[in-house]
C-alpha atoms as a PDB file:
ATOM      1  CA  MET A   1       0.000   0.000   0.000  1.00  0.00           C
ATOM      2  CA  SER A   2       1.462   3.351  -1.038  1.00  0.00           C
ATOM      3  CA  GLU A   3       1.961   6.284   1.293  1.00  0.00           C
ATOM      4  CA  LYS A   4      -0.541   8.288  -0.718  1.00  0.00           C
ATOM      5  CA  THR A   5      -3.189   5.616  -0.192  1.00  0.00           C
ATOM      6  CA  LEU A   6      -2.622   5.607   3.534  1.00  0.00           C
ATOM      7  CA  ALA A   7      -2.707   9.376   3.633  1.00  0.00           C
ATOM      8  CA  ASP A   8      -6.051   9.466   1.839  1.00  0.00           C
ATOM      9  CA  ALA A   9      -7.632   6.729   3.979  1.00  0.00           C
ATOM     10  CA  PRO A  10     -10.391   7.908   6.341  1.00  0.00           C
ATOM     11  CA  ALA A  11      -9.745   5.361   9.063  1.00  0.00           C
ATOM     12  CA  PRO A  12      -7.418   7.401  11.296  1.00  0.00           C
ATOM     13  CA  ASP A  13     -10.038  10.151  11.482  1.00  0.00           C
ATOM     14  CA  ALA A  14     -12.738   7.602  12.259  1.00  0.00           C
ATOM     15  CA  ALA A  15     -10.653   6.145  15.016  1.00  0.00           C
ATOM     16  CA  GLN A  16      -9.899   9.362  16.845  1.00  0.00           C
ATOM     17  CA  PRO A  17     -11.505   9.814  20.255  1.00  0.00           C
ATOM     18  CA  GLY A  18     -14.704  11.780  20.128  1.00  0.00           C
ATOM     19  CA  ARG A  19     -15.660  11.059  16.539  1.00  0.00           C
ATOM     20  CA  GLY A  20     -19.162   9.677  16.875  1.00  0.00           C
ATOM     21  CA  PRO A  21     -19.798   8.454  20.378  1.00  0.00           C
ATOM     22  CA  ARG A  22     -18.184  11.217  22.448  1.00  0.00           C
ATOM     23  CA  VAL A  23     -20.083  14.084  20.863  1.00  0.00           C
ATOM     24  CA  LEU A  24     -22.997  13.177  23.136  1.00  0.00           C
ATOM     25  CA  LEU A  25     -20.963  13.883  26.237  1.00  0.00           C
ATOM     26  CA  GLY A  26     -19.691  17.396  25.666  1.00  0.00           C
ATOM     27  CA  GLY A  27     -17.528  19.457  23.381  1.00  0.00           C
ATOM     28  CA  ARG A  28     -18.297  21.031  20.043  1.00  0.00           C
ATOM     29  CA  ILE A  29     -20.925  19.082  18.107  1.00  0.00           C
ATOM     30  CA  PRO A  30     -20.519  19.213  14.310  1.00  0.00           C
ATOM     31  CA  LEU A  31     -23.713  19.623  12.313  1.00  0.00           C
ATOM     32  CA  ALA A  32     -23.340  16.165  10.796  1.00  0.00           C
ATOM     33  CA  ARG A  33     -23.303  14.597  14.274  1.00  0.00           C
ATOM     34  CA  LEU A  34     -26.566  16.261  15.333  1.00  0.00           C
ATOM     35  CA  ARG A  35     -28.345  13.375  13.638  1.00  0.00           C
ATOM     36  CA  ASP A  36     -27.537  11.282  16.729  1.00  0.00           C
ATOM     37  CA  LEU A  37     -30.066  13.457  18.560  1.00  0.00           C
ATOM     38  CA  ALA A  38     -32.422  13.888  15.612  1.00  0.00           C
ATOM     39  CA  LEU A  39     -34.942  11.360  16.927  1.00  0.00           C
ATOM     40  CA  VAL A  40     -35.289  12.918  20.380  1.00  0.00           C
ATOM     41  CA  PRO A  41     -37.784  15.582  19.188  1.00  0.00           C
ATOM     42  CA  ALA A  42     -39.699  12.864  17.320  1.00  0.00           C
ATOM     43  CA  ILE A  43     -39.900  10.769  20.498  1.00  0.00           C
ATOM     44  CA  VAL A  44     -41.258  13.776  22.412  1.00  0.00           C
ATOM     45  CA  ILE A  45     -43.833  14.441  19.687  1.00  0.00           C
ATOM     46  CA  ILE A  46     -44.961  10.809  19.658  1.00  0.00           C
ATOM     47  CA  ALA A  47     -45.315  10.916  23.453  1.00  0.00           C
ATOM     48  CA  ILE A  48     -47.558  13.990  23.184  1.00  0.00           C
ATOM     49  CA  VAL A  49     -49.601  12.456  20.367  1.00  0.00           C
ATOM     50  CA  GLY A  50     -49.938   9.210  22.300  1.00  0.00           C
ATOM     51  CA  GLN A  51     -51.240  11.029  25.346  1.00  0.00           C
ATOM     52  CA  ILE A  52     -53.805  12.857  23.196  1.00  0.00           C
ATOM     53  CA  VAL A  53     -54.888   9.632  21.507  1.00  0.00           C
ATOM     54  CA  ASN A  54     -55.239   7.750  24.770  1.00  0.00           C
ATOM     55  CA  PRO A  55     -54.503   9.082  28.300  1.00  0.00           C
ATOM     56  CA  VAL A  56     -53.230   5.624  29.197  1.00  0.00           C
ATOM     57  CA  PHE A  57     -50.116   6.145  27.049  1.00  0.00           C
ATOM     58  CA  LEU A  58     -48.030   8.020  29.626  1.00  0.00           C
ATOM     59  CA  GLN A  59     -49.185   5.913  32.546  1.00  0.00           C
ATOM     60  CA  PRO A  60     -46.229   4.150  34.245  1.00  0.00           C
ATOM     61  CA  ASP A  61     -47.677   0.686  33.597  1.00  0.00           C
ATOM     62  CA  ASN A  62     -47.963   1.330  29.863  1.00  0.00           C
ATOM     63  CA  LEU A  63     -44.486   2.856  29.588  1.00  0.00           C
ATOM     64  CA  ILE A  64     -42.990  -0.086  31.456  1.00  0.00           C
ATOM     65  CA  ASN A  65     -44.861  -2.418  29.119  1.00  0.00           C
ATOM     66  CA  VAL A  66     -43.381  -0.622  26.094  1.00  0.00           C
ATOM     67  CA  LEU A  67     -39.864  -0.829  27.526  1.00  0.00           C
ATOM     68  CA  GLN A  68     -40.232  -4.491  28.449  1.00  0.00           C
ATOM     69  CA  THR A  69     -41.594  -5.572  25.076  1.00  0.00           C
ATOM     70  CA  MET A  70     -38.855  -3.638  23.275  1.00  0.00           C
ATOM     71  CA  SER A  71     -36.033  -4.937  25.485  1.00  0.00           C
ATOM     72  CA  GLU A  72     -35.571  -8.160  23.504  1.00  0.00           C
ATOM     73  CA  MET A  73     -35.608  -6.346  20.157  1.00  0.00           C
ATOM     74  CA  ALA A  74     -33.295  -3.669  21.564  1.00  0.00           C
ATOM     75  CA  LEU A  75     -30.625  -6.284  22.302  1.00  0.00           C
ATOM     76  CA  LEU A  76     -30.806  -7.423  18.678  1.00  0.00           C
ATOM     77  CA  VAL A  77     -30.470  -3.795  17.582  1.00  0.00           C
ATOM     78  CA  LEU A  78     -27.431  -3.379  19.835  1.00  0.00           C
ATOM     79  CA  ALA A  79     -25.869  -6.498  18.338  1.00  0.00           C
ATOM     80  CA  GLN A  80     -26.554  -5.380  14.771  1.00  0.00           C
ATOM     81  CA  THR A  81     -25.276  -1.876  15.542  1.00  0.00           C
ATOM     82  CA  MET A  82     -21.827  -3.124  16.520  1.00  0.00           C
ATOM     83  CA  ILE A  83     -21.701  -5.393  13.486  1.00  0.00           C
ATOM     84  CA  LEU A  84     -22.772  -2.631  11.093  1.00  0.00           C
ATOM     85  CA  ILE A  85     -20.168  -0.249  12.521  1.00  0.00           C
ATOM     86  CA  VAL A  86     -17.427  -2.671  11.427  1.00  0.00           C
ATOM     87  CA  LYS A  87     -19.075  -2.792   7.976  1.00  0.00           C
ATOM     88  CA  LYS A  88     -20.544  -6.268   8.333  1.00  0.00           C
ATOM     89  CA  MET A  89     -24.103  -7.459   8.813  1.00  0.00           C
ATOM     90  CA  ASP A  90     -25.711 -10.469  10.463  1.00  0.00           C
ATOM     91  CA  LEU A  91     -29.081 -11.636   9.183  1.00  0.00           C
ATOM     92  CA  SER A  92     -29.007 -14.737  11.374  1.00  0.00           C
ATOM     93  CA  LEU A  93     -29.564 -12.853  14.640  1.00  0.00           C
ATOM     94  CA  GLU A  94     -33.317 -13.440  14.515  1.00  0.00           C
ATOM     95  CA  SER A  95     -32.846 -17.208  14.073  1.00  0.00           C
ATOM     96  CA  THR A  96     -30.247 -17.314  16.849  1.00  0.00           C
ATOM     97  CA  MET A  97     -32.828 -15.642  19.063  1.00  0.00           C
ATOM     98  CA  GLY A  98     -35.110 -18.610  18.457  1.00  0.00           C
ATOM     99  CA  LEU A  99     -32.687 -21.522  18.223  1.00  0.00           C
ATOM    100  CA  ALA A 100     -30.576 -20.788  21.327  1.00  0.00           C
ATOM    101  CA  PRO A 101     -33.439 -20.984  23.866  1.00  0.00           C
ATOM    102  CA  GLY A 102     -35.075 -23.619  21.659  1.00  0.00           C
ATOM    103  CA  VAL A 103     -32.140 -26.017  22.051  1.00  0.00           C
ATOM    104  CA  ALA A 104     -32.085 -25.368  25.791  1.00  0.00           C
ATOM    105  CA  ALA A 105     -35.818 -26.064  26.084  1.00  0.00           C
ATOM    106  CA  TRP A 106     -35.459 -29.180  23.937  1.00  0.00           C
ATOM    107  CA  LEU A 107     -32.829 -30.577  26.303  1.00  0.00           C
ATOM    108  CA  VAL A 108     -34.336 -29.608  29.671  1.00  0.00           C
ATOM    109  CA  VAL A 109     -38.122 -29.610  29.211  1.00  0.00           C
ATOM    110  CA  PRO A 110     -39.705 -32.908  30.331  1.00  0.00           C
ATOM    111  CA  ALA A 111     -40.500 -35.394  27.596  1.00  0.00           C
ATOM    112  CA  GLY A 112     -44.106 -35.767  26.567  1.00  0.00           C
ATOM    113  CA  ALA A 113     -46.179 -32.829  27.773  1.00  0.00           C
ATOM    114  CA  GLY A 114     -43.554 -30.128  27.173  1.00  0.00           C
ATOM    115  CA  HIS A 115     -42.293 -31.581  23.851  1.00  0.00           C
ATOM    116  CA  GLY A 116     -38.722 -31.795  25.159  1.00  0.00           C
ATOM    117  CA  LEU A 117     -36.281 -34.626  25.824  1.00  0.00           C
ATOM    118  CA  GLY A 118     -35.656 -34.002  29.524  1.00  0.00           C
ATOM    119  CA  LEU A 119     -31.984 -34.940  29.193  1.00  0.00           C
ATOM    120  CA  LEU A 120     -30.588 -32.145  31.376  1.00  0.00           C
ATOM    121  CA  PRO A 121     -31.682 -30.551  34.652  1.00  0.00           C
ATOM    122  CA  GLY A 122     -33.367 -27.151  34.417  1.00  0.00           C
ATOM    123  CA  ALA A 123     -30.345 -25.342  35.842  1.00  0.00           C
ATOM    124  CA  TRP A 124     -28.498 -26.015  32.581  1.00  0.00           C
ATOM    125  CA  ALA A 125     -30.980 -24.028  30.488  1.00  0.00           C
ATOM    126  CA  VAL A 126     -29.278 -20.631  30.677  1.00  0.00           C
ATOM    127  CA  PRO A 127     -25.707 -21.897  30.072  1.00  0.00           C
ATOM    128  CA  VAL A 128     -26.924 -23.980  27.113  1.00  0.00           C
ATOM    129  CA  THR A 129     -28.760 -20.985  25.622  1.00  0.00           C
ATOM    130  CA  LEU A 130     -25.717 -18.717  25.829  1.00  0.00           C
ATOM    131  CA  THR A 131     -23.372 -21.460  24.603  1.00  0.00           C
ATOM    132  CA  VAL A 132     -25.483 -22.006  21.485  1.00  0.00           C
ATOM    133  CA  GLY A 133     -25.312 -18.267  20.812  1.00  0.00           C
ATOM    134  CA  VAL A 134     -21.518 -18.287  21.096  1.00  0.00           C
ATOM    135  CA  LEU A 135     -21.214 -21.337  18.823  1.00  0.00           C
ATOM    136  CA  VAL A 136     -23.339 -19.703  16.132  1.00  0.00           C
ATOM    137  CA  GLY A 137     -21.167 -16.593  16.332  1.00  0.00           C
ATOM    138  CA  LEU A 138     -17.979 -18.630  16.101  1.00  0.00           C
ATOM    139  CA  LEU A 139     -19.258 -20.457  13.020  1.00  0.00           C
ATOM    140  CA  ASN A 140     -20.271 -17.186  11.366  1.00  0.00           C
ATOM    141  CA  SER A 141     -16.897 -15.596  12.119  1.00  0.00           C
ATOM    142  CA  LEU A 142     -15.061 -18.670  10.832  1.00  0.00           C
ATOM    143  CA  LEU A 143     -16.865 -18.560   7.498  1.00  0.00           C
ATOM    144  CA  ILE A 144     -16.698 -14.778   7.121  1.00  0.00           C
ATOM    145  CA  ILE A 145     -13.219 -14.031   8.453  1.00  0.00           C
ATOM    146  CA  ARG A 146     -11.162 -17.177   7.943  1.00  0.00           C
ATOM    147  CA  PHE A 147     -12.719 -18.308   4.661  1.00  0.00           C
ATOM    148  CA  GLY A 148     -13.399 -14.788   3.404  1.00  0.00           C
ATOM    149  CA  LEU A 149     -17.008 -15.508   2.415  1.00  0.00           C
ATOM    150  CA  ASN A 150     -19.544 -12.739   1.903  1.00  0.00           C
ATOM    151  CA  GLY A 151     -21.116 -11.884   5.243  1.00  0.00           C
ATOM    152  CA  PHE A 152     -24.555 -11.209   3.801  1.00  0.00           C
ATOM    153  CA  ILE A 153     -24.749 -14.601   2.069  1.00  0.00           C
ATOM    154  CA  VAL A 154     -23.229 -16.479   5.018  1.00  0.00           C
ATOM    155  CA  THR A 155     -25.647 -15.082   7.568  1.00  0.00           C
ATOM    156  CA  LEU A 156     -28.596 -15.447   5.186  1.00  0.00           C
ATOM    157  CA  GLY A 157     -27.745 -19.114   4.806  1.00  0.00           C
ATOM    158  CA  MET A 158     -27.242 -19.412   8.563  1.00  0.00           C
ATOM    159  CA  LEU A 159     -30.640 -17.820   9.151  1.00  0.00           C
ATOM    160  CA  ILE A 160     -32.284 -20.501   7.026  1.00  0.00           C
ATOM    161  CA  VAL A 161     -30.279 -23.335   8.600  1.00  0.00           C
ATOM    162  CA  LEU A 162     -30.968 -22.267  12.187  1.00  0.00           C
ATOM    163  CA  ARG A 163     -34.656 -21.758  11.476  1.00  0.00           C
ATOM    164  CA  GLY A 164     -34.821 -25.231   9.965  1.00  0.00           C
ATOM    165  CA  VAL A 165     -33.013 -26.785  12.923  1.00  0.00           C
ATOM    166  CA  LEU A 166     -35.430 -25.179  15.399  1.00  0.00           C
ATOM    167  CA  THR A 167     -38.397 -26.395  13.375  1.00  0.00           C
ATOM    168  CA  GLY A 168     -36.850 -29.862  13.259  1.00  0.00           C
ATOM    169  CA  ILE A 169     -36.121 -30.270  16.971  1.00  0.00           C
ATOM    170  CA  SER A 170     -39.494 -28.816  17.953  1.00  0.00           C
ATOM    171  CA  GLY A 171     -41.501 -30.670  15.348  1.00  0.00           C
ATOM    172  CA  GLY A 172     -43.143 -27.361  14.511  1.00  0.00           C
ATOM    173  CA  GLN A 173     -44.615 -27.200  18.007  1.00  0.00           C
ATOM    174  CA  THR A 174     -44.058 -24.872  20.964  1.00  0.00           C
ATOM    175  CA  PHE A 175     -41.910 -25.804  23.949  1.00  0.00           C
ATOM    176  CA  PHE A 176     -43.582 -25.028  27.261  1.00  0.00           C
ATOM    177  CA  GLN A 177     -43.296 -26.042  30.919  1.00  0.00           C
ATOM    178  CA  LEU A 178     -39.983 -24.200  30.925  1.00  0.00           C
ATOM    179  CA  PRO A 179     -37.835 -24.491  34.066  1.00  0.00           C
ATOM    180  CA  PRO A 180     -37.676 -21.545  36.510  1.00  0.00           C
ATOM    181  CA  SER A 181     -34.148 -20.700  35.353  1.00  0.00           C
ATOM    182  CA  MET A 182     -35.482 -19.890  31.862  1.00  0.00           C
ATOM    183  CA  LEU A 183     -38.423 -17.911  33.211  1.00  0.00           C
ATOM    184  CA  TYR A 184     -36.554 -15.779  35.729  1.00  0.00           C
ATOM    185  CA  LEU A 185     -35.038 -13.038  33.563  1.00  0.00           C
ATOM    186  CA  GLY A 186     -38.274 -12.590  31.630  1.00  0.00           C
ATOM    187  CA  THR A 187     -40.547 -12.409  34.675  1.00  0.00           C
ATOM    188  CA  ALA A 188     -38.492 -11.116  37.617  1.00  0.00           C
ATOM    189  CA  GLU A 189     -38.704  -7.536  38.849  1.00  0.00           C
ATOM    190  CA  TRP A 190     -35.770  -5.546  40.200  1.00  0.00           C
ATOM    191  CA  LEU A 191     -36.512  -2.319  42.068  1.00  0.00           C
ATOM    192  CA  GLY A 192     -40.065  -2.251  40.762  1.00  0.00           C
ATOM    193  CA  MET A 193     -39.212  -2.753  37.075  1.00  0.00           C
ATOM    194  CA  PRO A 194     -38.868  -5.928  34.993  1.00  0.00           C
ATOM    195  CA  ALA A 195     -35.370  -7.356  35.065  1.00  0.00           C
ATOM    196  CA  SER A 196     -35.262  -7.369  31.262  1.00  0.00           C
ATOM    197  CA  ILE A 197     -35.442  -3.550  31.220  1.00  0.00           C
ATOM    198  CA  TRP A 198     -32.523  -3.226  33.643  1.00  0.00           C
ATOM    199  CA  ILE A 199     -30.491  -5.736  31.625  1.00  0.00           C
ATOM    200  CA  CYS A 200     -31.191  -3.875  28.380  1.00  0.00           C
ATOM    201  CA  LEU A 201     -30.312  -0.456  29.808  1.00  0.00           C
ATOM    202  CA  ALA A 202     -27.167  -1.808  31.479  1.00  0.00           C
ATOM    203  CA  LEU A 203     -25.897  -3.414  28.271  1.00  0.00           C
ATOM    204  CA  PHE A 204     -26.549  -0.260  26.254  1.00  0.00           C
ATOM    205  CA  ALA A 205     -24.720   1.787  28.908  1.00  0.00           C
ATOM    206  CA  VAL A 206     -21.738  -0.565  28.735  1.00  0.00           C
ATOM    207  CA  ALA A 207     -21.758  -0.361  24.938  1.00  0.00           C
ATOM    208  CA  VAL A 208     -21.782   3.462  25.058  1.00  0.00           C
ATOM    209  CA  VAL A 209     -18.707   3.422  27.279  1.00  0.00           C
ATOM    210  CA  VAL A 210     -16.877   0.751  25.287  1.00  0.00           C
ATOM    211  CA  LEU A 211     -17.506   2.278  21.856  1.00  0.00           C
ATOM    212  CA  GLY A 212     -16.972   5.846  22.990  1.00  0.00           C
ATOM    213  CA  TRP A 213     -14.165   5.675  25.528  1.00  0.00           C
ATOM    214  CA  THR A 214     -11.963   2.659  24.841  1.00  0.00           C
ATOM    215  CA  SER A 215      -9.379   1.782  22.231  1.00  0.00           C
ATOM    216  CA  PHE A 216     -11.401  -1.302  21.342  1.00  0.00           C
ATOM    217  CA  GLY A 217     -14.417   0.855  20.529  1.00  0.00           C
ATOM    218  CA  ARG A 218     -12.334   3.227  18.430  1.00  0.00           C
ATOM    219  CA  SER A 219     -10.925   0.262  16.534  1.00  0.00           C
ATOM    220  CA  LEU A 220     -14.471  -0.685  15.490  1.00  0.00           C
ATOM    221  CA  TYR A 221     -14.958   2.714  13.848  1.00  0.00           C
ATOM    222  CA  ALA A 222     -11.514   2.518  12.272  1.00  0.00           C
ATOM    223  CA  ILE A 223     -12.230  -0.898  10.754  1.00  0.00           C
ATOM    224  CA  GLY A 224     -15.601   0.236   9.489  1.00  0.00           C
ATOM    225  CA  GLY A 225     -14.071   3.357   7.967  1.00  0.00           C
ATOM    226  CA  ASN A 226     -11.156   1.615   6.229  1.00  0.00           C
ATOM    227  CA  ALA A 227     -10.150  -1.906   7.221  1.00  0.00           C
ATOM    228  CA  ASP A 228      -6.875  -1.837   5.276  1.00  0.00           C
ATOM    229  CA  ALA A 229      -5.739   1.395   6.894  1.00  0.00           C
ATOM    230  CA  ALA A 230      -6.798   0.096  10.312  1.00  0.00           C
ATOM    231  CA  ARG A 231      -4.727  -3.036   9.760  1.00  0.00           C
ATOM    232  CA  ALA A 232      -1.761  -0.942   8.646  1.00  0.00           C
ATOM    233  CA  ALA A 233      -2.132   1.116  11.828  1.00  0.00           C
ATOM    234  CA  GLY A 234      -1.617  -2.018  13.918  1.00  0.00           C
ATOM    235  CA  ILE A 235      -5.224  -2.952  14.709  1.00  0.00           C
ATOM    236  CA  ARG A 236      -5.788  -6.715  14.785  1.00  0.00           C
ATOM    237  CA  THR A 237      -8.810  -6.499  12.512  1.00  0.00           C
ATOM    238  CA  GLU A 238      -9.621 -10.209  12.333  1.00  0.00           C
ATOM    239  CA  ARG A 239      -9.617 -10.548  16.094  1.00  0.00           C
ATOM    240  CA  VAL A 240     -11.817  -7.477  16.557  1.00  0.00           C
ATOM    241  CA  LEU A 241     -14.255  -8.644  13.874  1.00  0.00           C
ATOM    242  CA  GLY A 242     -14.468 -12.079  15.477  1.00  0.00           C
ATOM    243  CA  ILE A 243     -15.214 -10.613  18.900  1.00  0.00           C
ATOM    244  CA  VAL A 244     -17.936  -8.374  17.451  1.00  0.00           C
ATOM    245  CA  ILE A 245     -19.644 -11.188  15.534  1.00  0.00           C
ATOM    246  CA  VAL A 246     -19.576 -13.584  18.491  1.00  0.00           C
ATOM    247  CA  THR A 247     -20.789 -10.876  20.874  1.00  0.00           C
ATOM    248  CA  GLY A 248     -23.667 -10.146  18.502  1.00  0.00           C
ATOM    249  CA  SER A 249     -24.783 -13.769  18.503  1.00  0.00           C
ATOM    250  CA  LEU A 250     -24.435 -13.937  22.283  1.00  0.00           C
ATOM    251  CA  LEU A 251     -26.691 -10.881  22.646  1.00  0.00           C
ATOM    252  CA  ALA A 252     -29.208 -12.513  20.289  1.00  0.00           C
ATOM    253  CA  ALA A 253     -29.243 -15.641  22.469  1.00  0.00           C
ATOM    254  CA  LEU A 254     -29.788 -13.501  25.563  1.00  0.00           C
ATOM    255  CA  ALA A 255     -32.627 -11.678  23.791  1.00  0.00           C
ATOM    256  CA  GLY A 256     -34.206 -15.039  23.036  1.00  0.00           C
ATOM    257  CA  LEU A 257     -33.897 -16.027  26.679  1.00  0.00           C
ATOM    258  CA  LEU A 258     -35.654 -12.832  27.790  1.00  0.00           C
ATOM    259  CA  LEU A 259     -38.457 -13.345  25.264  1.00  0.00           C
ATOM    260  CA  SER A 260     -38.916 -17.006  26.172  1.00  0.00           C
ATOM    261  CA  GLY A 261     -39.040 -16.134  29.857  1.00  0.00           C
ATOM    262  CA  ARG A 262     -41.636 -13.425  29.300  1.00  0.00           C
ATOM    263  CA  LEU A 263     -43.843 -15.675  27.169  1.00  0.00           C
ATOM    264  CA  ALA A 264     -43.098 -18.835  29.221  1.00  0.00           C
ATOM    265  CA  SER A 265     -42.584 -20.749  25.978  1.00  0.00           C
ATOM    266  CA  VAL A 266     -40.354 -21.136  22.929  1.00  0.00           C
ATOM    267  CA  ALA A 267     -42.277 -21.159  19.657  1.00  0.00           C
ATOM    268  CA  SER A 268     -40.886 -22.864  16.571  1.00  0.00           C
ATOM    269  CA  ALA A 269     -41.157 -19.507  14.772  1.00  0.00           C
ATOM    270  CA  GLN A 270     -39.606 -17.398  17.554  1.00  0.00           C
ATOM    271  CA  GLY A 271     -37.759 -14.402  16.128  1.00  0.00           C
ATOM    272  CA  ASN A 272     -39.004 -14.782  12.556  1.00  0.00           C
ATOM    273  CA  GLY A 273     -39.237 -11.427  10.794  1.00  0.00           C
ATOM    274  CA  TYR A 274     -37.468  -9.493  13.566  1.00  0.00           C
ATOM    275  CA  ILE A 275     -34.473  -8.660  11.410  1.00  0.00           C
ATOM    276  CA  PHE A 276     -36.439  -6.141   9.333  1.00  0.00           C
ATOM    277  CA  THR A 277     -37.331  -4.105  12.418  1.00  0.00           C
ATOM    278  CA  VAL A 278     -33.765  -4.437  13.675  1.00  0.00           C
ATOM    279  CA  PHE A 279     -32.291  -2.917  10.517  1.00  0.00           C
ATOM    280  CA  ALA A 280     -34.961  -0.230  10.429  1.00  0.00           C
ATOM    281  CA  ALA A 281     -34.282   0.816  14.027  1.00  0.00           C
ATOM    282  CA  ALA A 282     -30.522   0.851  13.499  1.00  0.00           C
ATOM    283  CA  VAL A 283     -30.618   2.861  10.280  1.00  0.00           C
ATOM    284  CA  ILE A 284     -33.232   5.298  11.587  1.00  0.00           C
ATOM    285  CA  GLY A 285     -30.985   5.736  14.618  1.00  0.00           C
ATOM    286  CA  GLY A 286     -28.107   6.850  12.404  1.00  0.00           C
ATOM    287  CA  ILE A 287     -26.111   3.651  11.883  1.00  0.00           C
ATOM    288  CA  SER A 288     -24.583   3.628   8.408  1.00  0.00           C
ATOM    289  CA  LEU A 289     -24.809   0.460   6.337  1.00  0.00           C
ATOM    290  CA  ASN A 290     -21.436   1.473   4.901  1.00  0.00           C
ATOM    291  CA  GLY A 291     -19.731   1.112   8.280  1.00  0.00           C
ATOM    292  CA  GLY A 292     -17.758   3.375  10.559  1.00  0.00           C
ATOM    293  CA  LYS A 293     -20.582   5.720  11.565  1.00  0.00           C
ATOM    294  CA  GLY A 294     -23.340   5.877  14.139  1.00  0.00           C
ATOM    295  CA  THR A 295     -23.695   5.611  17.894  1.00  0.00           C
ATOM    296  CA  VAL A 296     -25.298   3.253  20.369  1.00  0.00           C
ATOM    297  CA  PHE A 297     -27.415   6.110  21.685  1.00  0.00           C
ATOM    298  CA  GLY A 298     -28.791   6.736  18.202  1.00  0.00           C
ATOM    299  CA  ALA A 299     -29.644   3.058  17.785  1.00  0.00           C
ATOM    300  CA  PHE A 300     -31.469   3.058  21.127  1.00  0.00           C
ATOM    301  CA  THR A 301     -33.581   6.058  20.137  1.00  0.00           C
ATOM    302  CA  GLY A 302     -34.394   4.301  16.868  1.00  0.00           C
ATOM    303  CA  VAL A 303     -35.841   1.198  18.477  1.00  0.00           C
ATOM    304  CA  LEU A 304     -37.585   3.250  21.176  1.00  0.00           C
ATOM    305  CA  LEU A 305     -39.288   5.409  18.545  1.00  0.00           C
ATOM    306  CA  LEU A 306     -40.550   2.396  16.600  1.00  0.00           C
ATOM    307  CA  PHE A 307     -42.035   0.733  19.676  1.00  0.00           C
ATOM    308  CA  MET A 308     -43.644   3.943  20.887  1.00  0.00           C
ATOM    309  CA  ILE A 309     -45.302   4.381  17.499  1.00  0.00           C
ATOM    310  CA  GLN A 310     -46.526   0.803  17.533  1.00  0.00           C
ATOM    311  CA  ASN A 311     -47.967   1.300  21.009  1.00  0.00           C
ATOM    312  CA  VAL A 312     -49.752   4.499  19.960  1.00  0.00           C
ATOM    313  CA  LEU A 313     -51.282   2.723  16.959  1.00  0.00           C
ATOM    314  CA  THR A 314     -52.477  -0.116  19.185  1.00  0.00           C
ATOM    315  CA  LEU A 315     -54.005   2.284  21.730  1.00  0.00           C
ATOM    316  CA  ALA A 316     -55.676   4.166  18.886  1.00  0.00           C
ATOM    317  CA  GLY A 317     -57.485   1.003  17.899  1.00  0.00           C
ATOM    318  CA  VAL A 318     -55.785   0.614  14.528  1.00  0.00           C
ATOM    319  CA  PRO A 319     -56.493  -2.915  13.212  1.00  0.00           C
ATOM    320  CA  ALA A 320     -53.478  -5.188  13.549  1.00  0.00           C
ATOM    321  CA  GLN A 321     -53.594  -5.922   9.826  1.00  0.00           C
ATOM    322  CA  TRP A 322     -52.737  -2.284   9.070  1.00  0.00           C
ATOM    323  CA  ILE A 323     -50.072  -1.721  11.718  1.00  0.00           C
ATOM    324  CA  GLY A 324     -47.385  -3.414   9.628  1.00  0.00           C
ATOM    325  CA  ALA A 325     -48.069  -1.195   6.619  1.00  0.00           C
ATOM    326  CA  LEU A 326     -48.178   1.948   8.761  1.00  0.00           C
ATOM    327  CA  ASN A 327     -44.912   0.968  10.445  1.00  0.00           C
ATOM    328  CA  GLY A 328     -43.275   0.682   7.039  1.00  0.00           C
ATOM    329  CA  LEU A 329     -44.599   4.083   6.001  1.00  0.00           C
ATOM    330  CA  ILE A 330     -43.398   5.625   9.267  1.00  0.00           C
ATOM    331  CA  ILE A 331     -39.940   4.149   8.726  1.00  0.00           C
ATOM    332  CA  LEU A 332     -39.714   5.767   5.278  1.00  0.00           C
ATOM    333  CA  VAL A 333     -40.884   9.124   6.644  1.00  0.00           C
ATOM    334  CA  ALA A 334     -38.437   8.910   9.575  1.00  0.00           C
ATOM    335  CA  LEU A 335     -35.556   8.127   7.227  1.00  0.00           C
ATOM    336  CA  THR A 336     -36.470  11.088   5.037  1.00  0.00           C
ATOM    337  CA  ILE A 337     -36.649  13.446   8.009  1.00  0.00           C
ATOM    338  CA  SER A 338     -33.378  12.059   9.365  1.00  0.00           C
ATOM    339  CA  ARG A 339     -31.733  12.662   5.977  1.00  0.00           C
ATOM    340  CA  ILE A 340     -32.951  16.254   5.856  1.00  0.00           C
ATOM    341  CA  THR A 341     -32.131  17.202   9.459  1.00  0.00           C
ATOM    342  CA  GLY A 342     -28.910  15.369  10.066  1.00  0.00           C
ATOM    343  CA  GLY A 343     -27.149  14.553   6.838  1.00  0.00           C
ATOM    344  CA  LYS A 344     -27.033  11.407   4.777  1.00  0.00           C
ATOM    345  CA  VAL A 345     -28.162   8.110   6.229  1.00  0.00           C
ATOM    346  CA  GLN A 346     -25.396   6.465   4.241  1.00  0.00           C
ATOM    347  CA  ASP A 347     -22.312   8.306   3.050  1.00  0.00           C
END
């Protein structure tokens, strides 16, 4: 690589402290970075509209319900955000969300009534769920990084494989009679709020710190901006990419555990179709599909906005058959507004 090429590469700028994540915490905020806060006014407006539509909207019980139902999806958005920042994508997250708790339920749920095998005690459910998530991530990273295969095709194929495996082990039925260990995180309350909300907020807070204030986080932006320049600068790109992909799958498995605990079951179709909402929330929140740009805070506001809108539509009595179409229209409008107010969605 010539010196001119390295000089023209954008990675060093992307890797500098404060580019992206730190602008939320003080200092001069460039106009292009205001898009990280672009959804905050929209969230306020939706809250006002929701209260006008139905006074129940701003009641604590309803707000907690919105946060709890979005917590599982938010973890998928967090996973996809990190992967998109390094200029990769993972379509298999939604299937991992179903297969990981599905395998655990298959092994620990009693045979017969619960449709499981009953081979392991219930205490093994959580470790098995998380282990399956890690294994899926390792397989994805092996195919993408070591074999150099296209990430989109690999994870698309993995999505189909994992979905088929879950359908196969469940026989197309739903696992129920889950052990207490699988129910706990989805049903427990800590300090008056569901545990899943605390877990979601804590993980997003950790991600904000890691991506904004550590060398590892800066390396993600550097790789997403220009992988070759990041490698030339001494960043171990393959190792970082592997960690990000595996962490994403682990978060998807945890999301599946939270959802299974809340519903007290694991359906054979758990997670199907979630990936569309995940990408929508991430992109609306300012995450570039071209890598190297966006913040965790922006991604969080994206998923929060989508779930608030869905809740308002439900409270307004909009038929469920139309909510999907309206959500799609709202996503297009939000992207347009985001483009106008904060710069390009993708550069």
